[in-house]
Amino acid sequence: MSSISRRSFLKHSSIAITGAAYSKHFFSMNKTTPRLSFSTLGCPTWNFSKVVDFAAANGYQGIELRGIAGELDLTKCAEFSAGEIQNTLKKMEDKQLRFVDLGSSAELHHMDAAKRKFNLDAAKKFIDLAEKINCPFIRVFPNSLPKDQDRDATLNLVSQGLHELAEYAKDSKVSVLLESHGELTHTNDLIRVMQNAEHPHAGMIWDVCNMWTVTKEPPSAVYNQLNKYIRHTHIKDLKLVNGEIHYVLLGQGESPIGEALRLLYDSNYSGYYSFEWEKLWHPEILEPEIALADYPKAVKKYFQ
């Protein structure tokens, strides 16, 4: 090799190596940084100040509200009264936190006119509150597909309710998210509901375990079909003992939650990975001081 060609070779090799290093750096800089939140379902007795302080001290960026100190109707909480709402927002700002979702109890499967109106009105109040506190999402769900109702009719009711709420929210910065929950956990049913409710202010919360415990569908199959609707996630882990669910710390169970986390991360999912520790419904599981502190550490290994 001549000295000229050797110099040329070294020059271009250097450029290639530098380019590769830059590309790797550029990729890592542009990879979505995982944002963590937890649902207050996991700390049902805590007051708001304790929730905020704990989130900030343990590496969370957001809080998903599913009640405060035992009150599930957030519109009744003193923290959001006219005299306190600004103090509430300042507490969040001071700790560099944001509200990421308001978990309503609004059920969309009811056919009875009075029950249906009650649930839709409750969801609309949550939309109004979310707009006031700069929260992007509220959660709604169907708890069941009642046996005494036509199944197709019930699925249509869920779609219609979701669309009605999305229309109500259309002039706000709030979107209404349907959680994969209860008896609405099969991918085909969720696709049908979401397609029929199509709206810029409608989306989904992917609760991986809610679906997997019922359907055993692999996360890859679920995500490939539903990812266009997924804007928020509920993350947890569990073991099935004689067919019964036992919630455990992340990474200690048998659910395919790791596969789901990697799918989300590799696809640059930009929403929050929200830990849903179901302490309110299952008081026998570990205390929030343990579980909520463990999650930010346990989830990091899936993002390596």
C-alpha atoms as a PDB file:
ATOM      1  CA  MET A   1       0.000   0.000   0.000  1.00  0.00           C
ATOM      2  CA  SER A   2       1.456   3.408  -0.928  1.00  0.00           C
ATOM      3  CA  SER A   3       1.819   6.107   1.732  1.00  0.00           C
ATOM      4  CA  ILE A   4      -0.822   8.163  -0.046  1.00  0.00           C
ATOM      5  CA  SER A   5      -3.312   5.328  -0.162  1.00  0.00           C
ATOM      6  CA  ARG A   6      -2.471   4.425   3.431  1.00  0.00           C
ATOM      7  CA  ARG A   7      -3.131   8.001   4.560  1.00  0.00           C
ATOM      8  CA  SER A   8      -6.341   7.961   2.594  1.00  0.00           C
ATOM      9  CA  PHE A   9      -7.306   4.647   4.178  1.00  0.00           C
ATOM     10  CA  LEU A  10      -6.577   5.895   7.697  1.00  0.00           C
ATOM     11  CA  LYS A  11      -8.447   9.128   7.067  1.00  0.00           C
ATOM     12  CA  HIS A  12     -11.563   7.396   5.820  1.00  0.00           C
ATOM     13  CA  SER A  13     -11.355   4.739   8.542  1.00  0.00           C
ATOM     14  CA  SER A  14     -11.170   7.492  11.133  1.00  0.00           C
ATOM     15  CA  ILE A  15     -14.204   9.193   9.638  1.00  0.00           C
ATOM     16  CA  ALA A  16     -16.102   5.895   9.604  1.00  0.00           C
ATOM     17  CA  ILE A  17     -15.225   5.121  13.225  1.00  0.00           C
ATOM     18  CA  THR A  18     -16.086   8.659  14.311  1.00  0.00           C
ATOM     19  CA  GLY A  19     -19.323   8.467  12.343  1.00  0.00           C
ATOM     20  CA  ALA A  20     -20.251   5.170  13.945  1.00  0.00           C
ATOM     21  CA  ALA A  21     -19.489   6.532  17.393  1.00  0.00           C
ATOM     22  CA  TYR A  22     -21.498   9.663  16.649  1.00  0.00           C
ATOM     23  CA  SER A  23     -24.397   7.613  15.331  1.00  0.00           C
ATOM     24  CA  LYS A  24     -24.403   5.509  18.491  1.00  0.00           C
ATOM     25  CA  HIS A  25     -24.264   8.657  20.620  1.00  0.00           C
ATOM     26  CA  PHE A  26     -26.975  10.301  18.536  1.00  0.00           C
ATOM     27  CA  PHE A  27     -29.184   7.234  18.913  1.00  0.00           C
ATOM     28  CA  SER A  28     -28.695   7.075  22.660  1.00  0.00           C
ATOM     29  CA  MET A  29     -29.392  10.780  23.005  1.00  0.00           C
ATOM     30  CA  ASN A  30     -32.625  10.424  21.036  1.00  0.00           C
ATOM     31  CA  LYS A  31     -33.839   7.265  22.734  1.00  0.00           C
ATOM     32  CA  THR A  32     -36.922   8.062  24.747  1.00  0.00           C
ATOM     33  CA  THR A  33     -36.016   8.439  28.405  1.00  0.00           C
ATOM     34  CA  PRO A  34     -38.415   6.230  30.380  1.00  0.00           C
ATOM     35  CA  ARG A  35     -40.767   8.314  32.509  1.00  0.00           C
ATOM     36  CA  LEU A  36     -42.080   6.705  35.656  1.00  0.00           C
ATOM     37  CA  SER A  37     -45.236   7.295  37.648  1.00  0.00           C
ATOM     38  CA  PHE A  38     -47.256   5.367  40.188  1.00  0.00           C
ATOM     39  CA  SER A  39     -50.952   5.108  40.845  1.00  0.00           C
ATOM     40  CA  THR A  40     -52.217   6.177  44.248  1.00  0.00           C
ATOM     41  CA  LEU A  41     -54.167   2.912  44.197  1.00  0.00           C
ATOM     42  CA  GLY A  42     -50.947   1.649  45.768  1.00  0.00           C
ATOM     43  CA  CYS A  43     -51.009   4.036  48.734  1.00  0.00           C
ATOM     44  CA  PRO A  44     -54.706   4.473  49.485  1.00  0.00           C
ATOM     45  CA  THR A  45     -54.271   5.985  52.973  1.00  0.00           C
ATOM     46  CA  TRP A  46     -51.589   8.554  52.131  1.00  0.00           C
ATOM     47  CA  ASN A  47     -52.394  12.248  52.095  1.00  0.00           C
ATOM     48  CA  PHE A  48     -51.411  14.320  49.091  1.00  0.00           C
ATOM     49  CA  SER A  49     -48.256  15.798  50.604  1.00  0.00           C
ATOM     50  CA  LYS A  50     -46.913  12.340  51.401  1.00  0.00           C
ATOM     51  CA  VAL A  51     -47.647  11.152  47.865  1.00  0.00           C
ATOM     52  CA  VAL A  52     -45.786  14.091  46.343  1.00  0.00           C
ATOM     53  CA  ASP A  53     -42.801  13.885  48.691  1.00  0.00           C
ATOM     54  CA  PHE A  54     -42.448  10.138  48.198  1.00  0.00           C
ATOM     55  CA  ALA A  55     -42.635  10.392  44.401  1.00  0.00           C
ATOM     56  CA  ALA A  56     -39.940  13.058  44.277  1.00  0.00           C
ATOM     57  CA  ALA A  57     -37.658  11.232  46.702  1.00  0.00           C
ATOM     58  CA  ASN A  58     -37.851   7.935  44.811  1.00  0.00           C
ATOM     59  CA  GLY A  59     -37.144   8.933  41.237  1.00  0.00           C
ATOM     60  CA  TYR A  60     -40.629   9.332  39.804  1.00  0.00           C
ATOM     61  CA  GLN A  61     -41.567  12.005  37.279  1.00  0.00           C
ATOM     62  CA  GLY A  62     -45.344  11.717  37.500  1.00  0.00           C
ATOM     63  CA  ILE A  63     -48.300  10.783  39.676  1.00  0.00           C
ATOM     64  CA  GLU A  64     -51.417   8.936  38.557  1.00  0.00           C
ATOM     65  CA  LEU A  65     -54.283   9.797  40.877  1.00  0.00           C
ATOM     66  CA  ARG A  66     -56.716   7.037  41.805  1.00  0.00           C
ATOM     67  CA  GLY A  67     -57.970   8.695  44.934  1.00  0.00           C
ATOM     68  CA  ILE A  68     -56.394  10.646  47.783  1.00  0.00           C
ATOM     69  CA  ALA A  69     -56.517   9.421  51.401  1.00  0.00           C
ATOM     70  CA  GLY A  70     -59.456   7.130  50.697  1.00  0.00           C
ATOM     71  CA  GLU A  71     -61.537   9.495  48.540  1.00  0.00           C
ATOM     72  CA  LEU A  72     -61.869   8.062  45.017  1.00  0.00           C
ATOM     73  CA  ASP A  73     -63.933  10.926  43.622  1.00  0.00           C
ATOM     74  CA  LEU A  74     -61.113  13.381  43.005  1.00  0.00           C
ATOM     75  CA  THR A  75     -63.557  16.198  42.309  1.00  0.00           C
ATOM     76  CA  LYS A  76     -64.461  16.080  46.018  1.00  0.00           C
ATOM     77  CA  CYS A  77     -60.872  16.254  47.288  1.00  0.00           C
ATOM     78  CA  ALA A  78     -59.923  19.434  49.162  1.00  0.00           C
ATOM     79  CA  GLU A  79     -56.690  19.646  47.145  1.00  0.00           C
ATOM     80  CA  PHE A  80     -58.724  20.638  44.087  1.00  0.00           C
ATOM     81  CA  SER A  81     -61.090  23.091  45.744  1.00  0.00           C
ATOM     82  CA  ALA A  82     -61.069  26.693  44.574  1.00  0.00           C
ATOM     83  CA  GLY A  83     -59.038  27.753  47.588  1.00  0.00           C
ATOM     84  CA  GLU A  84     -56.427  24.985  47.373  1.00  0.00           C
ATOM     85  CA  ILE A  85     -55.898  24.110  43.731  1.00  0.00           C
ATOM     86  CA  GLN A  86     -53.087  26.624  43.185  1.00  0.00           C
ATOM     87  CA  ASN A  87     -51.242  25.340  46.257  1.00  0.00           C
ATOM     88  CA  THR A  88     -51.636  21.816  44.907  1.00  0.00           C
ATOM     89  CA  LEU A  89     -50.161  22.791  41.553  1.00  0.00           C
ATOM     90  CA  LYS A  90     -47.290  24.595  43.251  1.00  0.00           C
ATOM     91  CA  LYS A  91     -46.425  21.494  45.293  1.00  0.00           C
ATOM     92  CA  MET A  92     -46.168  19.529  42.068  1.00  0.00           C
ATOM     93  CA  GLU A  93     -44.120  22.206  40.344  1.00  0.00           C
ATOM     94  CA  ASP A  94     -41.739  22.553  43.279  1.00  0.00           C
ATOM     95  CA  LYS A  95     -41.009  18.807  43.136  1.00  0.00           C
ATOM     96  CA  GLN A  96     -40.797  18.821  39.306  1.00  0.00           C
ATOM     97  CA  LEU A  97     -43.685  16.380  39.041  1.00  0.00           C
ATOM     98  CA  ARG A  98     -46.759  16.289  36.857  1.00  0.00           C
ATOM     99  CA  PHE A  99     -50.151  14.650  36.979  1.00  0.00           C
ATOM    100  CA  VAL A 100     -50.246  12.005  34.249  1.00  0.00           C
ATOM    101  CA  ASP A 101     -53.709  10.457  34.580  1.00  0.00           C
ATOM    102  CA  LEU A 102     -56.863  10.773  36.678  1.00  0.00           C
ATOM    103  CA  GLY A 103     -58.387   7.375  37.334  1.00  0.00           C
ATOM    104  CA  SER A 104     -62.129   7.800  37.336  1.00  0.00           C
ATOM    105  CA  SER A 105     -64.587   5.102  38.367  1.00  0.00           C
ATOM    106  CA  ALA A 106     -66.701   5.735  35.280  1.00  0.00           C
ATOM    107  CA  GLU A 107     -68.010   2.501  33.744  1.00  0.00           C
ATOM    108  CA  LEU A 108     -69.142   2.494  30.119  1.00  0.00           C
ATOM    109  CA  HIS A 109     -70.894  -0.872  29.929  1.00  0.00           C
ATOM    110  CA  HIS A 110     -74.220   0.085  31.552  1.00  0.00           C
ATOM    111  CA  MET A 111     -77.351  -0.098  29.430  1.00  0.00           C
ATOM    112  CA  ASP A 112     -79.697   1.334  32.073  1.00  0.00           C
ATOM    113  CA  ALA A 113     -80.213   4.988  31.127  1.00  0.00           C
ATOM    114  CA  ALA A 114     -79.872   6.399  34.638  1.00  0.00           C
ATOM    115  CA  LYS A 115     -76.701   4.435  35.427  1.00  0.00           C
ATOM    116  CA  ARG A 116     -75.239   5.340  32.068  1.00  0.00           C
ATOM    117  CA  LYS A 117     -75.864   9.061  32.565  1.00  0.00           C
ATOM    118  CA  PHE A 118     -74.421   8.931  36.083  1.00  0.00           C
ATOM    119  CA  ASN A 119     -71.172   7.366  34.840  1.00  0.00           C
ATOM    120  CA  LEU A 120     -70.781   9.624  31.805  1.00  0.00           C
ATOM    121  CA  ASP A 121     -71.445  12.735  33.922  1.00  0.00           C
ATOM    122  CA  ALA A 122     -68.826  11.567  36.442  1.00  0.00           C
ATOM    123  CA  ALA A 123     -66.269  11.148  33.655  1.00  0.00           C
ATOM    124  CA  LYS A 124     -67.021  14.627  32.325  1.00  0.00           C
ATOM    125  CA  LYS A 125     -66.293  16.104  35.757  1.00  0.00           C
ATOM    126  CA  PHE A 126     -62.928  14.348  35.676  1.00  0.00           C
ATOM    127  CA  ILE A 127     -62.227  15.815  32.230  1.00  0.00           C
ATOM    128  CA  ASP A 128     -62.964  19.285  33.606  1.00  0.00           C
ATOM    129  CA  LEU A 129     -60.647  18.689  36.566  1.00  0.00           C
ATOM    130  CA  ALA A 130     -57.883  17.292  34.370  1.00  0.00           C
ATOM    131  CA  GLU A 131     -57.981  20.429  32.239  1.00  0.00           C
ATOM    132  CA  LYS A 132     -57.616  22.612  35.339  1.00  0.00           C
ATOM    133  CA  ILE A 133     -54.530  20.765  36.590  1.00  0.00           C
ATOM    134  CA  ASN A 134     -52.814  20.226  33.214  1.00  0.00           C
ATOM    135  CA  CYS A 135     -53.324  16.467  33.308  1.00  0.00           C
ATOM    136  CA  PRO A 136     -53.386  14.915  29.817  1.00  0.00           C
ATOM    137  CA  PHE A 137     -55.549  11.858  30.500  1.00  0.00           C
ATOM    138  CA  ILE A 138     -58.504  10.490  32.410  1.00  0.00           C
ATOM    139  CA  ARG A 139     -59.234   6.778  32.662  1.00  0.00           C
ATOM    140  CA  VAL A 140     -62.568   5.064  32.060  1.00  0.00           C
ATOM    141  CA  PHE A 141     -63.348   1.367  31.762  1.00  0.00           C
ATOM    142  CA  PRO A 142     -65.931  -1.353  31.385  1.00  0.00           C
ATOM    143  CA  ASN A 143     -66.032  -3.542  34.444  1.00  0.00           C
ATOM    144  CA  SER A 144     -67.995  -6.320  32.820  1.00  0.00           C
ATOM    145  CA  LEU A 145     -69.862  -7.502  29.764  1.00  0.00           C
ATOM    146  CA  PRO A 146     -73.080  -8.406  31.601  1.00  0.00           C
ATOM    147  CA  LYS A 147     -74.603 -11.776  30.809  1.00  0.00           C
ATOM    148  CA  ASP A 148     -78.099 -10.271  30.733  1.00  0.00           C
ATOM    149  CA  GLN A 149     -77.094  -7.839  27.958  1.00  0.00           C
ATOM    150  CA  ASP A 150     -76.406  -8.640  24.335  1.00  0.00           C
ATOM    151  CA  ARG A 151     -72.605  -8.774  24.021  1.00  0.00           C
ATOM    152  CA  ASP A 152     -72.432  -6.847  20.745  1.00  0.00           C
ATOM    153  CA  ALA A 153     -74.757  -4.208  22.144  1.00  0.00           C
ATOM    154  CA  THR A 154     -72.548  -3.806  25.214  1.00  0.00           C
ATOM    155  CA  LEU A 155     -69.399  -3.386  23.124  1.00  0.00           C
ATOM    156  CA  ASN A 156     -71.207  -0.758  21.082  1.00  0.00           C
ATOM    157  CA  LEU A 157     -72.219   1.035  24.286  1.00  0.00           C
ATOM    158  CA  VAL A 158     -68.570   1.174  25.362  1.00  0.00           C
ATOM    159  CA  SER A 159     -67.533   2.611  21.983  1.00  0.00           C
ATOM    160  CA  GLN A 160     -70.326   5.157  21.997  1.00  0.00           C
ATOM    161  CA  GLY A 161     -69.532   6.250  25.543  1.00  0.00           C
ATOM    162  CA  LEU A 162     -65.836   6.641  24.800  1.00  0.00           C
ATOM    163  CA  HIS A 163     -66.600   8.681  21.695  1.00  0.00           C
ATOM    164  CA  GLU A 164     -69.082  10.879  23.552  1.00  0.00           C
ATOM    165  CA  LEU A 165     -66.510  11.644  26.237  1.00  0.00           C
ATOM    166  CA  ALA A 166     -63.806  12.311  23.654  1.00  0.00           C
ATOM    167  CA  GLU A 167     -66.149  14.766  21.945  1.00  0.00           C
ATOM    168  CA  TYR A 168     -66.744  16.463  25.287  1.00  0.00           C
ATOM    169  CA  ALA A 169     -62.967  16.826  25.674  1.00  0.00           C
ATOM    170  CA  LYS A 170     -62.253  17.945  22.108  1.00  0.00           C
ATOM    171  CA  ASP A 171     -61.650  21.607  22.957  1.00  0.00           C
ATOM    172  CA  SER A 172     -59.354  20.753  25.850  1.00  0.00           C
ATOM    173  CA  LYS A 173     -55.884  19.224  26.148  1.00  0.00           C
ATOM    174  CA  VAL A 174     -57.371  16.121  27.765  1.00  0.00           C
ATOM    175  CA  SER A 175     -57.864  12.702  26.190  1.00  0.00           C
ATOM    176  CA  VAL A 176     -60.078   9.918  27.490  1.00  0.00           C
ATOM    177  CA  LEU A 177     -58.386   6.541  27.799  1.00  0.00           C
ATOM    178  CA  LEU A 178     -60.114   3.185  27.977  1.00  0.00           C
ATOM    179  CA  GLU A 179     -58.263   0.723  30.202  1.00  0.00           C
ATOM    180  CA  SER A 180     -57.988  -2.921  29.187  1.00  0.00           C
ATOM    181  CA  HIS A 181     -59.891  -4.085  32.219  1.00  0.00           C
ATOM    182  CA  GLY A 182     -62.485  -6.466  33.581  1.00  0.00           C
ATOM    183  CA  GLU A 183     -64.046  -8.536  30.824  1.00  0.00           C
ATOM    184  CA  LEU A 184     -62.788  -6.315  28.012  1.00  0.00           C
ATOM    185  CA  THR A 185     -59.305  -7.773  27.697  1.00  0.00           C
ATOM    186  CA  HIS A 186     -59.245  -9.663  24.387  1.00  0.00           C
ATOM    187  CA  THR A 187     -57.375  -7.849  21.640  1.00  0.00           C
ATOM    188  CA  ASN A 188     -60.067  -8.347  19.006  1.00  0.00           C
ATOM    189  CA  ASP A 189     -62.726  -6.840  21.275  1.00  0.00           C
ATOM    190  CA  LEU A 190     -60.507  -3.863  22.111  1.00  0.00           C
ATOM    191  CA  ILE A 191     -59.738  -3.248  18.433  1.00  0.00           C
ATOM    192  CA  ARG A 192     -63.450  -3.240  17.659  1.00  0.00           C
ATOM    193  CA  VAL A 193     -64.240  -0.799  20.467  1.00  0.00           C
ATOM    194  CA  MET A 194     -61.389   1.554  19.605  1.00  0.00           C
ATOM    195  CA  GLN A 195     -62.118   1.553  15.881  1.00  0.00           C
ATOM    196  CA  ASN A 196     -65.778   2.364  16.487  1.00  0.00           C
ATOM    197  CA  ALA A 197     -64.863   5.124  18.951  1.00  0.00           C
ATOM    198  CA  GLU A 198     -62.187   6.625  16.686  1.00  0.00           C
ATOM    199  CA  HIS A 199     -61.420  10.164  17.859  1.00  0.00           C
ATOM    200  CA  PRO A 200     -58.280  12.302  18.383  1.00  0.00           C
ATOM    201  CA  HIS A 201     -59.150  12.576  22.083  1.00  0.00           C
ATOM    202  CA  ALA A 202     -59.700   8.837  22.622  1.00  0.00           C
ATOM    203  CA  GLY A 203     -57.027   6.270  23.388  1.00  0.00           C
ATOM    204  CA  MET A 204     -56.105   3.289  25.528  1.00  0.00           C
ATOM    205  CA  ILE A 205     -54.344   2.345  28.729  1.00  0.00           C
ATOM    206  CA  TRP A 206     -52.535  -0.944  28.175  1.00  0.00           C
ATOM    207  CA  ASP A 207     -52.693  -2.944  31.381  1.00  0.00           C
ATOM    208  CA  VAL A 208     -50.506  -5.855  30.348  1.00  0.00           C
ATOM    209  CA  CYS A 209     -51.333  -8.143  33.265  1.00  0.00           C
ATOM    210  CA  ASN A 210     -55.076  -7.483  33.122  1.00  0.00           C
ATOM    211  CA  MET A 211     -55.008  -8.880  29.603  1.00  0.00           C
ATOM    212  CA  TRP A 212     -52.475 -11.682  30.002  1.00  0.00           C
ATOM    213  CA  THR A 213     -54.108 -13.303  33.042  1.00  0.00           C
ATOM    214  CA  VAL A 214     -57.291 -13.770  31.027  1.00  0.00           C
ATOM    215  CA  THR A 215     -56.173 -14.302  27.429  1.00  0.00           C
ATOM    216  CA  LYS A 216     -52.520 -15.458  27.675  1.00  0.00           C
ATOM    217  CA  GLU A 217     -51.920 -13.476  24.468  1.00  0.00           C
ATOM    218  CA  PRO A 218     -48.213 -12.658  24.111  1.00  0.00           C
ATOM    219  CA  PRO A 219     -47.453  -8.930  24.511  1.00  0.00           C
ATOM    220  CA  SER A 220     -45.938  -8.766  21.027  1.00  0.00           C
ATOM    221  CA  ALA A 221     -49.217  -9.848  19.424  1.00  0.00           C
ATOM    222  CA  VAL A 222     -51.196  -7.402  21.570  1.00  0.00           C
ATOM    223  CA  TYR A 223     -48.862  -4.483  20.982  1.00  0.00           C
ATOM    224  CA  ASN A 224     -48.607  -4.980  17.226  1.00  0.00           C
ATOM    225  CA  GLN A 225     -52.366  -4.615  16.921  1.00  0.00           C
ATOM    226  CA  LEU A 226     -53.124  -1.999  19.591  1.00  0.00           C
ATOM    227  CA  ASN A 227     -50.049   0.251  19.681  1.00  0.00           C
ATOM    228  CA  LYS A 228     -51.708   3.032  17.664  1.00  0.00           C
ATOM    229  CA  TYR A 229     -54.171   3.501  20.530  1.00  0.00           C
ATOM    230  CA  ILE A 230     -51.833   3.067  23.522  1.00  0.00           C
ATOM    231  CA  ARG A 231     -51.038   6.338  25.293  1.00  0.00           C
ATOM    232  CA  HIS A 232     -50.526   5.183  28.862  1.00  0.00           C
ATOM    233  CA  THR A 233     -49.586   1.938  30.603  1.00  0.00           C
ATOM    234  CA  HIS A 234     -50.220   0.136  33.880  1.00  0.00           C
ATOM    235  CA  ILE A 235     -47.236  -1.932  34.964  1.00  0.00           C
ATOM    236  CA  LYS A 236     -47.279  -4.686  37.597  1.00  0.00           C
ATOM    237  CA  ASP A 237     -46.217  -8.294  38.080  1.00  0.00           C
ATOM    238  CA  LEU A 238     -47.887 -11.366  39.555  1.00  0.00           C
ATOM    239  CA  LYS A 239     -47.911 -15.078  40.141  1.00  0.00           C
ATOM    240  CA  LEU A 240     -50.849 -17.380  39.511  1.00  0.00           C
ATOM    241  CA  VAL A 241     -51.350 -19.784  42.410  1.00  0.00           C
ATOM    242  CA  ASN A 242     -54.098 -22.352  41.820  1.00  0.00           C
ATOM    243  CA  GLY A 243     -55.572 -19.938  39.316  1.00  0.00           C
ATOM    244  CA  GLU A 244     -55.608 -17.010  41.750  1.00  0.00           C
ATOM    245  CA  ILE A 245     -53.651 -13.796  41.253  1.00  0.00           C
ATOM    246  CA  HIS A 246     -50.958 -12.905  43.773  1.00  0.00           C
ATOM    247  CA  TYR A 247     -49.266  -9.562  43.146  1.00  0.00           C
ATOM    248  CA  VAL A 248     -45.495  -9.465  43.605  1.00  0.00           C
ATOM    249  CA  LEU A 249     -42.710  -6.949  43.099  1.00  0.00           C
ATOM    250  CA  LEU A 250     -41.675  -6.268  39.508  1.00  0.00           C
ATOM    251  CA  GLY A 251     -39.487  -9.042  38.136  1.00  0.00           C
ATOM    252  CA  GLN A 252     -40.503 -11.585  40.778  1.00  0.00           C
ATOM    253  CA  GLY A 253     -43.580 -12.919  39.007  1.00  0.00           C
ATOM    254  CA  GLU A 254     -44.420 -15.045  35.997  1.00  0.00           C
ATOM    255  CA  SER A 255     -46.178 -12.496  33.820  1.00  0.00           C
ATOM    256  CA  PRO A 256     -44.551 -11.439  30.519  1.00  0.00           C
ATOM    257  CA  ILE A 257     -44.206  -7.871  31.793  1.00  0.00           C
ATOM    258  CA  GLY A 258     -40.527  -7.778  30.815  1.00  0.00           C
ATOM    259  CA  GLU A 259     -41.368  -8.502  27.186  1.00  0.00           C
ATOM    260  CA  ALA A 260     -43.968  -5.728  27.213  1.00  0.00           C
ATOM    261  CA  LEU A 261     -41.557  -3.217  28.751  1.00  0.00           C
ATOM    262  CA  ARG A 262     -38.911  -3.970  26.140  1.00  0.00           C
ATOM    263  CA  LEU A 263     -41.458  -3.684  23.336  1.00  0.00           C
ATOM    264  CA  LEU A 264     -42.532  -0.273  24.571  1.00  0.00           C
ATOM    265  CA  TYR A 265     -38.976   0.936  25.090  1.00  0.00           C
ATOM    266  CA  ASP A 266     -37.674  -0.331  21.746  1.00  0.00           C
ATOM    267  CA  SER A 267     -40.558   1.346  19.920  1.00  0.00           C
ATOM    268  CA  ASN A 268     -39.793   4.700  21.613  1.00  0.00           C
ATOM    269  CA  TYR A 269     -43.039   4.767  23.566  1.00  0.00           C
ATOM    270  CA  SER A 270     -43.116   8.270  25.033  1.00  0.00           C
ATOM    271  CA  GLY A 271     -45.798   7.862  27.687  1.00  0.00           C
ATOM    272  CA  TYR A 272     -45.413   6.983  31.332  1.00  0.00           C
ATOM    273  CA  TYR A 273     -44.657   3.550  32.735  1.00  0.00           C
ATOM    274  CA  SER A 274     -47.118   3.753  35.601  1.00  0.00           C
ATOM    275  CA  PHE A 275     -46.781   1.281  38.462  1.00  0.00           C
ATOM    276  CA  GLU A 276     -50.196   0.060  39.573  1.00  0.00           C
ATOM    277  CA  TRP A 277     -49.766  -1.615  42.954  1.00  0.00           C
ATOM    278  CA  GLU A 278     -53.327  -2.696  43.819  1.00  0.00           C
ATOM    279  CA  LYS A 279     -53.082  -2.131  47.565  1.00  0.00           C
ATOM    280  CA  LEU A 280     -56.587  -0.679  47.854  1.00  0.00           C
ATOM    281  CA  TRP A 281     -58.201  -3.834  46.472  1.00  0.00           C
ATOM    282  CA  HIS A 282     -55.653  -6.248  47.974  1.00  0.00           C
ATOM    283  CA  PRO A 283     -54.663  -4.986  51.446  1.00  0.00           C
ATOM    284  CA  GLU A 284     -52.661  -8.161  52.096  1.00  0.00           C
ATOM    285  CA  ILE A 285     -49.902  -7.262  49.607  1.00  0.00           C
ATOM    286  CA  LEU A 286     -46.704  -5.426  50.561  1.00  0.00           C
ATOM    287  CA  GLU A 287     -46.897  -1.945  52.018  1.00  0.00           C
ATOM    288  CA  PRO A 288     -46.467   1.005  49.626  1.00  0.00           C
ATOM    289  CA  GLU A 289     -43.267   2.153  51.344  1.00  0.00           C
ATOM    290  CA  ILE A 290     -41.689  -1.092  50.079  1.00  0.00           C
ATOM    291  CA  ALA A 291     -43.376  -1.656  46.717  1.00  0.00           C
ATOM    292  CA  LEU A 292     -43.383   1.919  45.430  1.00  0.00           C
ATOM    293  CA  ALA A 293     -39.743   2.389  46.419  1.00  0.00           C
ATOM    294  CA  ASP A 294     -38.746  -0.851  44.681  1.00  0.00           C
ATOM    295  CA  TYR A 295     -40.329  -0.123  41.297  1.00  0.00           C
ATOM    296  CA  PRO A 296     -37.943   2.576  39.950  1.00  0.00           C
ATOM    297  CA  LYS A 297     -34.975   0.321  40.733  1.00  0.00           C
ATOM    298  CA  ALA A 298     -36.544  -2.866  39.407  1.00  0.00           C
ATOM    299  CA  VAL A 299     -37.780  -1.379  36.140  1.00  0.00           C
ATOM    300  CA  LYS A 300     -34.376   0.024  35.113  1.00  0.00           C
ATOM    301  CA  LYS A 301     -32.988  -3.364  34.101  1.00  0.00           C
ATOM    302  CA  TYR A 302     -35.543  -3.583  31.299  1.00  0.00           C
ATOM    303  CA  PHE A 303     -34.220  -0.382  29.745  1.00  0.00           C
ATOM    304  CA  GLN A 304     -30.559  -1.337  29.539  1.00  0.00           C
END
